[in-house]
Amino acid sequence: MVCLCGSVRFLAEFDAASLSETLAGRIVLSVGSHRQRDEDALAHLTGAGRAAALDRLGELHLRKIDLADEVLVINPGGYVGESTRREIAYARQTGKGMRSLEPLMV
């Protein structure tokens, strides 16, 4: 079982990785939507409600990492944002295997 982590700015890459991993016989855990960024999906929320929803999504993604055997970091061009850095640190702390599209510089 693999958990995809990375910036949701790379939705096409998430979708491609999800398909590739699935075809390789792996169960894939991923972001909530490959069709739109979290910020866009939550555009109907404002202020504290929006912040709380983003926090819940971040916490839920850590639980997905808990379930996975390994993490695949979606990092075209080597880009790793703040929340992805947190997820990488968490995965390392919990002893998860790790792969990435590009070499990790964190």
PDB file of N, CA and C in Angstrom:
ATOM      1  N   MET A   1       0.857  -1.166   0.000  1.00  0.00           N
ATOM      2  CA  MET A   1       0.000   0.000   0.000  1.00  0.00           C
ATOM      3  C   MET A   1       0.902   1.226   0.000  1.00  0.00           C
ATOM      4  N   VAL A   2       0.595   2.172  -0.891  1.00  0.00           N
ATOM      5  CA  VAL A   2       1.412   3.372  -1.040  1.00  0.00           C
ATOM      6  C   VAL A   2       0.534   4.608  -0.851  1.00  0.00           C
ATOM      7  N   CYS A   3       1.092   5.605  -0.175  1.00  0.00           N
ATOM      8  CA  CYS A   3       0.411   6.884   0.012  1.00  0.00           C
ATOM      9  C   CYS A   3       1.133   7.926  -0.834  1.00  0.00           C
ATOM     10  N   LEU A   4       0.385   8.601  -1.695  1.00  0.00           N
ATOM     11  CA  LEU A   4       0.948   9.667  -2.507  1.00  0.00           C
ATOM     12  C   LEU A   4       0.937  10.958  -1.711  1.00  0.00           C
ATOM     13  N   CYS A   5       2.075  11.645  -1.687  1.00  0.00           N
ATOM     14  CA  CYS A   5       2.200  12.917  -0.988  1.00  0.00           C
ATOM     15  C   CYS A   5       2.806  13.935  -1.942  1.00  0.00           C
ATOM     16  N   GLY A   6       2.432  15.186  -1.789  1.00  0.00           N
ATOM     17  CA  GLY A   6       2.991  16.246  -2.614  1.00  0.00           C
ATOM     18  C   GLY A   6       2.028  17.405  -2.711  1.00  0.00           C
ATOM     19  N   SER A   7       2.463  18.427  -3.416  1.00  0.00           N
ATOM     20  CA  SER A   7       1.640  19.611  -3.603  1.00  0.00           C
ATOM     21  C   SER A   7       0.487  19.302  -4.545  1.00  0.00           C
ATOM     22  N   VAL A   8      -0.706  19.763  -4.178  1.00  0.00           N
ATOM     23  CA  VAL A   8      -1.868  19.532  -5.029  1.00  0.00           C
ATOM     24  C   VAL A   8      -1.843  20.411  -6.278  1.00  0.00           C
ATOM     25  N   ARG A   9      -0.786  21.202  -6.444  1.00  0.00           N
ATOM     26  CA  ARG A   9      -0.636  21.927  -7.709  1.00  0.00           C
ATOM     27  C   ARG A   9      -0.301  20.960  -8.845  1.00  0.00           C
ATOM     28  N   PHE A  10       0.106  19.726  -8.482  1.00  0.00           N
ATOM     29  CA  PHE A  10       0.506  18.727  -9.465  1.00  0.00           C
ATOM     30  C   PHE A  10      -0.556  17.634  -9.619  1.00  0.00           C
ATOM     31  N   LEU A  11      -1.791  18.031  -9.827  1.00  0.00           N
ATOM     32  CA  LEU A  11      -2.893  17.064  -9.878  1.00  0.00           C
ATOM     33  C   LEU A  11      -2.741  16.061 -11.018  1.00  0.00           C
ATOM     34  N   ALA A  12      -2.254  16.495 -12.167  1.00  0.00           N
ATOM     35  CA  ALA A  12      -2.071  15.563 -13.287  1.00  0.00           C
ATOM     36  C   ALA A  12      -1.037  14.501 -12.930  1.00  0.00           C
ATOM     37  N   GLU A  13       0.012  14.905 -12.213  1.00  0.00           N
ATOM     38  CA  GLU A  13       1.042  13.960 -11.797  1.00  0.00           C
ATOM     39  C   GLU A  13       0.513  12.996 -10.740  1.00  0.00           C
ATOM     40  N   PHE A  14      -0.349  13.492  -9.837  1.00  0.00           N
ATOM     41  CA  PHE A  14      -0.999  12.611  -8.862  1.00  0.00           C
ATOM     42  C   PHE A  14      -1.823  11.557  -9.588  1.00  0.00           C
ATOM     43  N   ASP A  15      -2.581  11.991 -10.577  1.00  0.00           N
ATOM     44  CA  ASP A  15      -3.438  11.074 -11.314  1.00  0.00           C
ATOM     45  C   ASP A  15      -2.606  10.022 -12.042  1.00  0.00           C
ATOM     46  N   ALA A  16      -1.523  10.454 -12.695  1.00  0.00           N
ATOM     47  CA  ALA A  16      -0.656   9.517 -13.415  1.00  0.00           C
ATOM     48  C   ALA A  16       0.002   8.533 -12.459  1.00  0.00           C
ATOM     49  N   ALA A  17       0.472   9.019 -11.313  1.00  0.00           N
ATOM     50  CA  ALA A  17       1.118   8.141 -10.331  1.00  0.00           C
ATOM     51  C   ALA A  17       0.114   7.156  -9.745  1.00  0.00           C
ATOM     52  N   SER A  18      -1.102   7.621  -9.489  1.00  0.00           N
ATOM     53  CA  SER A  18      -2.134   6.736  -8.952  1.00  0.00           C
ATOM     54  C   SER A  18      -2.413   5.586  -9.914  1.00  0.00           C
ATOM     55  N   LEU A  19      -2.542   5.900 -11.182  1.00  0.00           N
ATOM     56  CA  LEU A  19      -2.789   4.858 -12.174  1.00  0.00           C
ATOM     57  C   LEU A  19      -1.596   3.914 -12.287  1.00  0.00           C
ATOM     58  N   SER A  20      -0.397   4.467 -12.347  1.00  0.00           N
ATOM     59  CA  SER A  20       0.814   3.647 -12.468  1.00  0.00           C
ATOM     60  C   SER A  20       0.973   2.699 -11.284  1.00  0.00           C
ATOM     61  N   GLU A  21       0.773   3.208 -10.086  1.00  0.00           N
ATOM     62  CA  GLU A  21       0.905   2.387  -8.879  1.00  0.00           C
ATOM     63  C   GLU A  21      -0.188   1.320  -8.826  1.00  0.00           C
ATOM     64  N   THR A  22      -1.403   1.686  -9.223  1.00  0.00           N
ATOM     65  CA  THR A  22      -2.504   0.723  -9.248  1.00  0.00           C
ATOM     66  C   THR A  22      -2.214  -0.397 -10.243  1.00  0.00           C
ATOM     67  N   LEU A  23      -1.734  -0.035 -11.423  1.00  0.00           N
ATOM     68  CA  LEU A  23      -1.405  -1.043 -12.431  1.00  0.00           C
ATOM     69  C   LEU A  23      -0.247  -1.931 -11.992  1.00  0.00           C
ATOM     70  N   ALA A  24       0.592  -1.414 -11.091  1.00  0.00           N
ATOM     71  CA  ALA A  24       1.692  -2.210 -10.539  1.00  0.00           C
ATOM     72  C   ALA A  24       1.213  -3.122  -9.414  1.00  0.00           C
ATOM     73  N   GLY A  25      -0.097  -3.074  -9.107  1.00  0.00           N
ATOM     74  CA  GLY A  25      -0.664  -3.962  -8.102  1.00  0.00           C
ATOM     75  C   GLY A  25      -0.681  -3.412  -6.696  1.00  0.00           C
ATOM     76  N   ARG A  26      -0.479  -2.106  -6.557  1.00  0.00           N
ATOM     77  CA  ARG A  26      -0.467  -1.499  -5.227  1.00  0.00           C
ATOM     78  C   ARG A  26      -1.802  -0.813  -4.929  1.00  0.00           C
ATOM     79  N   ILE A  27      -2.211  -0.890  -3.682  1.00  0.00           N
ATOM     80  CA  ILE A  27      -3.347  -0.105  -3.204  1.00  0.00           C
ATOM     81  C   ILE A  27      -2.831   1.308  -2.994  1.00  0.00           C
ATOM     82  N   VAL A  28      -3.554   2.292  -3.517  1.00  0.00           N
ATOM     83  CA  VAL A  28      -3.092   3.677  -3.491  1.00  0.00           C
ATOM     84  C   VAL A  28      -3.981   4.524  -2.583  1.00  0.00           C
ATOM     85  N   LEU A  29      -3.349   5.228  -1.668  1.00  0.00           N
ATOM     86  CA  LEU A  29      -4.005   6.244  -0.845  1.00  0.00           C
ATOM     87  C   LEU A  29      -3.506   7.586  -1.360  1.00  0.00           C
ATOM     88  N   SER A  30      -4.403   8.544  -1.534  1.00  0.00           N
ATOM     89  CA  SER A  30      -3.997   9.786  -2.179  1.00  0.00           C
ATOM     90  C   SER A  30      -4.755  10.967  -1.593  1.00  0.00           C
ATOM     91  N   VAL A  31      -4.609  12.105  -2.261  1.00  0.00           N
ATOM     92  CA  VAL A  31      -5.328  13.314  -1.875  1.00  0.00           C
ATOM     93  C   VAL A  31      -6.815  13.117  -2.155  1.00  0.00           C
ATOM     94  N   GLY A  32      -7.635  13.974  -1.585  1.00  0.00           N
ATOM     95  CA  GLY A  32      -9.078  13.816  -1.711  1.00  0.00           C
ATOM     96  C   GLY A  32      -9.599  13.918  -3.127  1.00  0.00           C
ATOM     97  N   SER A  33      -8.970  14.747  -3.957  1.00  0.00           N
ATOM     98  CA  SER A  33      -9.432  14.920  -5.332  1.00  0.00           C
ATOM     99  C   SER A  33      -8.251  15.103  -6.263  1.00  0.00           C
ATOM    100  N   HIS A  34      -8.291  14.413  -7.392  1.00  0.00           N
ATOM    101  CA  HIS A  34      -7.299  14.643  -8.445  1.00  0.00           C
ATOM    102  C   HIS A  34      -7.840  15.642  -9.470  1.00  0.00           C
ATOM    103  N   ARG A  35      -9.030  16.159  -9.227  1.00  0.00           N
ATOM    104  CA  ARG A  35      -9.675  17.065 -10.178  1.00  0.00           C
ATOM    105  C   ARG A  35      -9.499  18.535  -9.819  1.00  0.00           C
ATOM    106  N   GLN A  36      -9.339  18.832  -8.519  1.00  0.00           N
ATOM    107  CA  GLN A  36      -9.164  20.224  -8.115  1.00  0.00           C
ATOM    108  C   GLN A  36      -8.376  20.305  -6.825  1.00  0.00           C
ATOM    109  N   ARG A  37      -7.693  21.429  -6.668  1.00  0.00           N
ATOM    110  CA  ARG A  37      -6.897  21.647  -5.460  1.00  0.00           C
ATOM    111  C   ARG A  37      -7.819  21.786  -4.250  1.00  0.00           C
ATOM    112  N   ASP A  38      -7.286  21.462  -3.071  1.00  0.00           N
ATOM    113  CA  ASP A  38      -8.083  21.574  -1.846  1.00  0.00           C
ATOM    114  C   ASP A  38      -8.672  22.973  -1.701  1.00  0.00           C
ATOM    115  N   GLU A  39      -7.856  23.989  -1.965  1.00  0.00           N
ATOM    116  CA  GLU A  39      -8.309  25.371  -1.813  1.00  0.00           C
ATOM    117  C   GLU A  39      -9.518  25.654  -2.705  1.00  0.00           C
ATOM    118  N   ASP A  40      -9.492  25.106  -3.917  1.00  0.00           N
ATOM    119  CA  ASP A  40     -10.616  25.315  -4.832  1.00  0.00           C
ATOM    120  C   ASP A  40     -11.841  24.514  -4.393  1.00  0.00           C
ATOM    121  N   ALA A  41     -11.625  23.296  -3.936  1.00  0.00           N
ATOM    122  CA  ALA A  41     -12.737  22.456  -3.479  1.00  0.00           C
ATOM    123  C   ALA A  41     -13.428  23.062  -2.262  1.00  0.00           C
ATOM    124  N   LEU A  42     -12.672  23.826  -1.485  1.00  0.00           N
ATOM    125  CA  LEU A  42     -13.215  24.418  -0.258  1.00  0.00           C
ATOM    126  C   LEU A  42     -13.543  25.900  -0.416  1.00  0.00           C
ATOM    127  N   ALA A  43     -13.619  26.368  -1.651  1.00  0.00           N
ATOM    128  CA  ALA A  43     -13.852  27.791  -1.908  1.00  0.00           C
ATOM    129  C   ALA A  43     -15.169  28.288  -1.311  1.00  0.00           C
ATOM    130  N   HIS A  44     -16.117  27.390  -1.116  1.00  0.00           N
ATOM    131  CA  HIS A  44     -17.411  27.785  -0.545  1.00  0.00           C
ATOM    132  C   HIS A  44     -17.317  28.063   0.955  1.00  0.00           C
ATOM    133  N   LEU A  45     -16.204  27.677   1.577  1.00  0.00           N
ATOM    134  CA  LEU A  45     -16.000  27.931   3.007  1.00  0.00           C
ATOM    135  C   LEU A  45     -15.160  29.186   3.190  1.00  0.00           C
ATOM    136  N   THR A  46     -15.345  29.843   4.321  1.00  0.00           N
ATOM    137  CA  THR A  46     -14.558  31.037   4.610  1.00  0.00           C
ATOM    138  C   THR A  46     -14.025  30.981   6.031  1.00  0.00           C
ATOM    139  N   GLY A  47     -13.003  31.768   6.273  1.00  0.00           N
ATOM    140  CA  GLY A  47     -12.474  31.969   7.610  1.00  0.00           C
ATOM    141  C   GLY A  47     -12.149  30.705   8.362  1.00  0.00           C
ATOM    142  N   ALA A  48     -12.700  30.624   9.586  1.00  0.00           N
ATOM    143  CA  ALA A  48     -12.386  29.515  10.485  1.00  0.00           C
ATOM    144  C   ALA A  48     -12.862  28.177   9.930  1.00  0.00           C
ATOM    145  N   GLY A  49     -13.977  28.160   9.237  1.00  0.00           N
ATOM    146  CA  GLY A  49     -14.480  26.912   8.661  1.00  0.00           C
ATOM    147  C   GLY A  49     -13.536  26.356   7.615  1.00  0.00           C
ATOM    148  N   ARG A  50     -12.998  27.234   6.805  1.00  0.00           N
ATOM    149  CA  ARG A  50     -12.040  26.821   5.767  1.00  0.00           C
ATOM    150  C   ARG A  50     -10.747  26.321   6.394  1.00  0.00           C
ATOM    151  N   ALA A  51     -10.242  27.072   7.377  1.00  0.00           N
ATOM    152  CA  ALA A  51      -9.006  26.672   8.064  1.00  0.00           C
ATOM    153  C   ALA A  51      -9.186  25.325   8.754  1.00  0.00           C
ATOM    154  N   ALA A  52     -10.333  25.122   9.386  1.00  0.00           N
ATOM    155  CA  ALA A  52     -10.592  23.853  10.074  1.00  0.00           C
ATOM    156  C   ALA A  52     -10.655  22.697   9.078  1.00  0.00           C
ATOM    157  N   ALA A  53     -11.286  22.920   7.932  1.00  0.00           N
ATOM    158  CA  ALA A  53     -11.373  21.864   6.916  1.00  0.00           C
ATOM    159  C   ALA A  53      -9.986  21.513   6.386  1.00  0.00           C
ATOM    160  N   LEU A  54      -9.148  22.515   6.126  1.00  0.00           N
ATOM    161  CA  LEU A  54      -7.781  22.252   5.657  1.00  0.00           C
ATOM    162  C   LEU A  54      -6.980  21.500   6.713  1.00  0.00           C
ATOM    163  N   ASP A  55      -7.171  21.863   7.984  1.00  0.00           N
ATOM    164  CA  ASP A  55      -6.489  21.143   9.072  1.00  0.00           C
ATOM    165  C   ASP A  55      -6.937  19.684   9.119  1.00  0.00           C
ATOM    166  N   ARG A  56      -8.236  19.443   8.972  1.00  0.00           N
ATOM    167  CA  ARG A  56      -8.750  18.066   8.967  1.00  0.00           C
ATOM    168  C   ARG A  56      -8.168  17.261   7.809  1.00  0.00           C
ATOM    169  N   LEU A  57      -8.078  17.865   6.645  1.00  0.00           N
ATOM    170  CA  LEU A  57      -7.497  17.174   5.493  1.00  0.00           C
ATOM    171  C   LEU A  57      -6.030  16.834   5.741  1.00  0.00           C
ATOM    172  N   GLY A  58      -5.294  17.763   6.352  1.00  0.00           N
ATOM    173  CA  GLY A  58      -3.890  17.506   6.670  1.00  0.00           C
ATOM    174  C   GLY A  58      -3.735  16.371   7.662  1.00  0.00           C
ATOM    175  N   GLU A  59      -4.564  16.354   8.676  1.00  0.00           N
ATOM    176  CA  GLU A  59      -4.521  15.282   9.679  1.00  0.00           C
ATOM    177  C   GLU A  59      -4.934  13.948   9.063  1.00  0.00           C
ATOM    178  N   LEU A  60      -5.945  13.958   8.234  1.00  0.00           N
ATOM    179  CA  LEU A  60      -6.386  12.742   7.561  1.00  0.00           C
ATOM    180  C   LEU A  60      -5.277  12.171   6.679  1.00  0.00           C
ATOM    181  N   HIS A  61      -4.506  13.050   6.040  1.00  0.00           N
ATOM    182  CA  HIS A  61      -3.424  12.556   5.190  1.00  0.00           C
ATOM    183  C   HIS A  61      -2.349  11.859   6.029  1.00  0.00           C
ATOM    184  N   LEU A  62      -2.097  12.349   7.231  1.00  0.00           N
ATOM    185  CA  LEU A  62      -1.147  11.658   8.121  1.00  0.00           C
ATOM    186  C   LEU A  62      -1.668  10.274   8.482  1.00  0.00           C
ATOM    187  N   ARG A  63      -2.974  10.141   8.675  1.00  0.00           N
ATOM    188  CA  ARG A  63      -3.542   8.823   8.968  1.00  0.00           C
ATOM    189  C   ARG A  63      -3.388   7.895   7.757  1.00  0.00           C
ATOM    190  N   LYS A  64      -3.487   8.438   6.561  1.00  0.00           N
ATOM    191  CA  LYS A  64      -3.242   7.635   5.358  1.00  0.00           C
ATOM    192  C   LYS A  64      -1.796   7.145   5.334  1.00  0.00           C
ATOM    193  N   ILE A  65      -0.866   8.002   5.724  1.00  0.00           N
ATOM    194  CA  ILE A  65       0.543   7.590   5.812  1.00  0.00           C
ATOM    195  C   ILE A  65       0.681   6.458   6.815  1.00  0.00           C
ATOM    196  N   ASP A  66      -0.034   6.552   7.938  1.00  0.00           N
ATOM    197  CA  ASP A  66       0.000   5.476   8.940  1.00  0.00           C
ATOM    198  C   ASP A  66      -0.404   4.137   8.326  1.00  0.00           C
ATOM    199  N   LEU A  67      -1.393   4.143   7.464  1.00  0.00           N
ATOM    200  CA  LEU A  67      -1.888   2.910   6.854  1.00  0.00           C
ATOM    201  C   LEU A  67      -0.950   2.348   5.787  1.00  0.00           C
ATOM    202  N   ALA A  68      -0.180   3.215   5.163  1.00  0.00           N
ATOM    203  CA  ALA A  68       0.648   2.816   4.022  1.00  0.00           C
ATOM    204  C   ALA A  68       1.930   2.110   4.450  1.00  0.00           C
ATOM    205  N   ASP A  69       2.458   1.300   3.529  1.00  0.00           N
ATOM    206  CA  ASP A  69       3.777   0.692   3.711  1.00  0.00           C
ATOM    207  C   ASP A  69       4.874   1.652   3.287  1.00  0.00           C
ATOM    208  N   GLU A  70       4.543   2.502   2.313  1.00  0.00           N
ATOM    209  CA  GLU A  70       5.523   3.452   1.803  1.00  0.00           C
ATOM    210  C   GLU A  70       4.826   4.698   1.292  1.00  0.00           C
ATOM    211  N   VAL A  71       5.640   5.733   1.090  1.00  0.00           N
ATOM    212  CA  VAL A  71       5.171   7.014   0.582  1.00  0.00           C
ATOM    213  C   VAL A  71       5.830   7.253  -0.773  1.00  0.00           C
ATOM    214  N   LEU A  72       5.055   7.751  -1.718  1.00  0.00           N
ATOM    215  CA  LEU A  72       5.590   8.201  -3.002  1.00  0.00           C
ATOM    216  C   LEU A  72       5.370   9.703  -3.067  1.00  0.00           C
ATOM    217  N   VAL A  73       6.471  10.455  -3.075  1.00  0.00           N
ATOM    218  CA  VAL A  73       6.391  11.914  -3.101  1.00  0.00           C
ATOM    219  C   VAL A  73       6.275  12.379  -4.555  1.00  0.00           C
ATOM    220  N   ILE A  74       5.224  13.120  -4.818  1.00  0.00           N
ATOM    221  CA  ILE A  74       4.986  13.697  -6.139  1.00  0.00           C
ATOM    222  C   ILE A  74       5.646  15.077  -6.121  1.00  0.00           C
ATOM    223  N   ASN A  75       6.828  15.163  -6.746  1.00  0.00           N
ATOM    224  CA  ASN A  75       7.621  16.389  -6.650  1.00  0.00           C
ATOM    225  C   ASN A  75       8.262  16.784  -7.979  1.00  0.00           C
ATOM    226  N   PRO A  76       7.461  17.058  -9.012  1.00  0.00           N
ATOM    227  CA  PRO A  76       8.038  17.478 -10.289  1.00  0.00           C
ATOM    228  C   PRO A  76       8.978  18.671 -10.117  1.00  0.00           C
ATOM    229  N   GLY A  77      10.116  18.612 -10.781  1.00  0.00           N
ATOM    230  CA  GLY A  77      11.098  19.682 -10.659  1.00  0.00           C
ATOM    231  C   GLY A  77      11.744  19.754  -9.296  1.00  0.00           C
ATOM    232  N   GLY A  78      11.492  18.761  -8.442  1.00  0.00           N
ATOM    233  CA  GLY A  78      12.049  18.749  -7.099  1.00  0.00           C
ATOM    234  C   GLY A  78      11.268  19.576  -6.093  1.00  0.00           C
ATOM    235  N   TYR A  79      10.132  20.153  -6.500  1.00  0.00           N
ATOM    236  CA  TYR A  79       9.373  21.018  -5.600  1.00  0.00           C
ATOM    237  C   TYR A  79       8.754  20.234  -4.447  1.00  0.00           C
ATOM    238  N   VAL A  80       8.995  20.725  -3.233  1.00  0.00           N
ATOM    239  CA  VAL A  80       8.387  20.172  -2.022  1.00  0.00           C
ATOM    240  C   VAL A  80       7.944  21.351  -1.157  1.00  0.00           C
ATOM    241  N   GLY A  81       6.645  21.500  -0.968  1.00  0.00           N
ATOM    242  CA  GLY A  81       6.112  22.589  -0.160  1.00  0.00           C
ATOM    243  C   GLY A  81       6.121  22.268   1.328  1.00  0.00           C
ATOM    244  N   GLU A  82       5.650  23.213   2.107  1.00  0.00           N
ATOM    245  CA  GLU A  82       5.677  23.107   3.571  1.00  0.00           C
ATOM    246  C   GLU A  82       4.897  21.901   4.094  1.00  0.00           C
ATOM    247  N   SER A  83       3.681  21.694   3.625  1.00  0.00           N
ATOM    248  CA  SER A  83       2.895  20.567   4.147  1.00  0.00           C
ATOM    249  C   SER A  83       3.495  19.235   3.705  1.00  0.00           C
ATOM    250  N   THR A  84       4.057  19.200   2.511  1.00  0.00           N
ATOM    251  CA  THR A  84       4.708  17.966   2.056  1.00  0.00           C
ATOM    252  C   THR A  84       5.953  17.683   2.884  1.00  0.00           C
ATOM    253  N   ARG A  85       6.692  18.717   3.248  1.00  0.00           N
ATOM    254  CA  ARG A  85       7.862  18.534   4.136  1.00  0.00           C
ATOM    255  C   ARG A  85       7.425  17.907   5.462  1.00  0.00           C
ATOM    256  N   ARG A  86       6.299  18.381   5.975  1.00  0.00           N
ATOM    257  CA  ARG A  86       5.771  17.835   7.231  1.00  0.00           C
ATOM    258  C   ARG A  86       5.404  16.367   7.047  1.00  0.00           C
ATOM    259  N   GLU A  87       4.790  16.038   5.933  1.00  0.00           N
ATOM    260  CA  GLU A  87       4.411  14.648   5.660  1.00  0.00           C
ATOM    261  C   GLU A  87       5.642  13.758   5.492  1.00  0.00           C
ATOM    262  N   ILE A  88       6.669  14.253   4.819  1.00  0.00           N
ATOM    263  CA  ILE A  88       7.917  13.496   4.654  1.00  0.00           C
ATOM    264  C   ILE A  88       8.552  13.243   6.013  1.00  0.00           C
ATOM    265  N   ALA A  89       8.619  14.286   6.842  1.00  0.00           N
ATOM    266  CA  ALA A  89       9.201  14.134   8.180  1.00  0.00           C
ATOM    267  C   ALA A  89       8.412  13.109   8.988  1.00  0.00           C
ATOM    268  N   TYR A  90       7.089  13.159   8.900  1.00  0.00           N
ATOM    269  CA  TYR A  90       6.246  12.208   9.628  1.00  0.00           C
ATOM    270  C   TYR A  90       6.487  10.792   9.124  1.00  0.00           C
ATOM    271  N   ALA A  91       6.542  10.618   7.815  1.00  0.00           N
ATOM    272  CA  ALA A  91       6.769   9.286   7.242  1.00  0.00           C
ATOM    273  C   ALA A  91       8.123   8.733   7.671  1.00  0.00           C
ATOM    274  N   ARG A  92       9.128   9.576   7.678  1.00  0.00           N
ATOM    275  CA  ARG A  92      10.461   9.131   8.118  1.00  0.00           C
ATOM    276  C   ARG A  92      10.438   8.759   9.596  1.00  0.00           C
ATOM    277  N   GLN A  93       9.779   9.588  10.395  1.00  0.00           N
ATOM    278  CA  GLN A  93       9.685   9.349  11.842  1.00  0.00           C
ATOM    279  C   GLN A  93       8.998   8.022  12.139  1.00  0.00           C
ATOM    280  N   THR A  94       8.039   7.656  11.313  1.00  0.00           N
ATOM    281  CA  THR A  94       7.292   6.419  11.544  1.00  0.00           C
ATOM    282  C   THR A  94       7.870   5.232  10.775  1.00  0.00           C
ATOM    283  N   GLY A  95       9.019   5.433  10.133  1.00  0.00           N
ATOM    284  CA  GLY A  95       9.737   4.333   9.489  1.00  0.00           C
ATOM    285  C   GLY A  95       9.162   3.850   8.169  1.00  0.00           C
ATOM    286  N   LYS A  96       8.435   4.707   7.476  1.00  0.00           N
ATOM    287  CA  LYS A  96       7.855   4.312   6.194  1.00  0.00           C
ATOM    288  C   LYS A  96       8.923   4.325   5.100  1.00  0.00           C
ATOM    289  N   GLY A  97       8.794   3.401   4.147  1.00  0.00           N
ATOM    290  CA  GLY A  97       9.629   3.459   2.958  1.00  0.00           C
ATOM    291  C   GLY A  97       9.269   4.707   2.169  1.00  0.00           C
ATOM    292  N   MET A  98      10.216   5.192   1.370  1.00  0.00           N
ATOM    293  CA  MET A  98       9.953   6.427   0.647  1.00  0.00           C
ATOM    294  C   MET A  98      10.561   6.382  -0.747  1.00  0.00           C
ATOM    295  N   ARG A  99       9.751   6.797  -1.711  1.00  0.00           N
ATOM    296  CA  ARG A  99      10.202   7.007  -3.084  1.00  0.00           C
ATOM    297  C   ARG A  99       9.740   8.396  -3.501  1.00  0.00           C
ATOM    298  N   SER A 100      10.327   8.908  -4.583  1.00  0.00           N
ATOM    299  CA  SER A 100       9.912  10.209  -5.098  1.00  0.00           C
ATOM    300  C   SER A 100      10.117  10.250  -6.605  1.00  0.00           C
ATOM    301  N   LEU A 101       9.363  11.127  -7.272  1.00  0.00           N
ATOM    302  CA  LEU A 101       9.520  11.279  -8.710  1.00  0.00           C
ATOM    303  C   LEU A 101      10.887  11.861  -9.045  1.00  0.00           C
ATOM    304  N   GLU A 102      11.319  12.840  -8.258  1.00  0.00           N
ATOM    305  CA  GLU A 102      12.619  13.502  -8.411  1.00  0.00           C
ATOM    306  C   GLU A 102      13.380  13.296  -7.101  1.00  0.00           C
ATOM    307  N   PRO A 103      14.717  13.390  -7.139  1.00  0.00           N
ATOM    308  CA  PRO A 103      15.470  13.245  -5.883  1.00  0.00           C
ATOM    309  C   PRO A 103      14.976  14.240  -4.825  1.00  0.00           C
ATOM    310  N   LEU A 104      14.873  13.758  -3.589  1.00  0.00           N
ATOM    311  CA  LEU A 104      14.426  14.609  -2.475  1.00  0.00           C
ATOM    312  C   LEU A 104      15.608  15.385  -1.916  1.00  0.00           C
ATOM    313  N   MET A 105      15.411  16.678  -1.735  1.00  0.00           N
ATOM    314  CA  MET A 105      16.449  17.538  -1.173  1.00  0.00           C
ATOM    315  C   MET A 105      16.089  17.984   0.243  1.00  0.00           C
ATOM    316  N   VAL A 106      15.188  17.231   0.894  1.00  0.00           N
ATOM    317  CA  VAL A 106      14.787  17.571   2.268  1.00  0.00           C
ATOM    318  C   VAL A 106      15.141  16.441   3.201  1.00  0.00           C
TER     319      VAL A 106
END
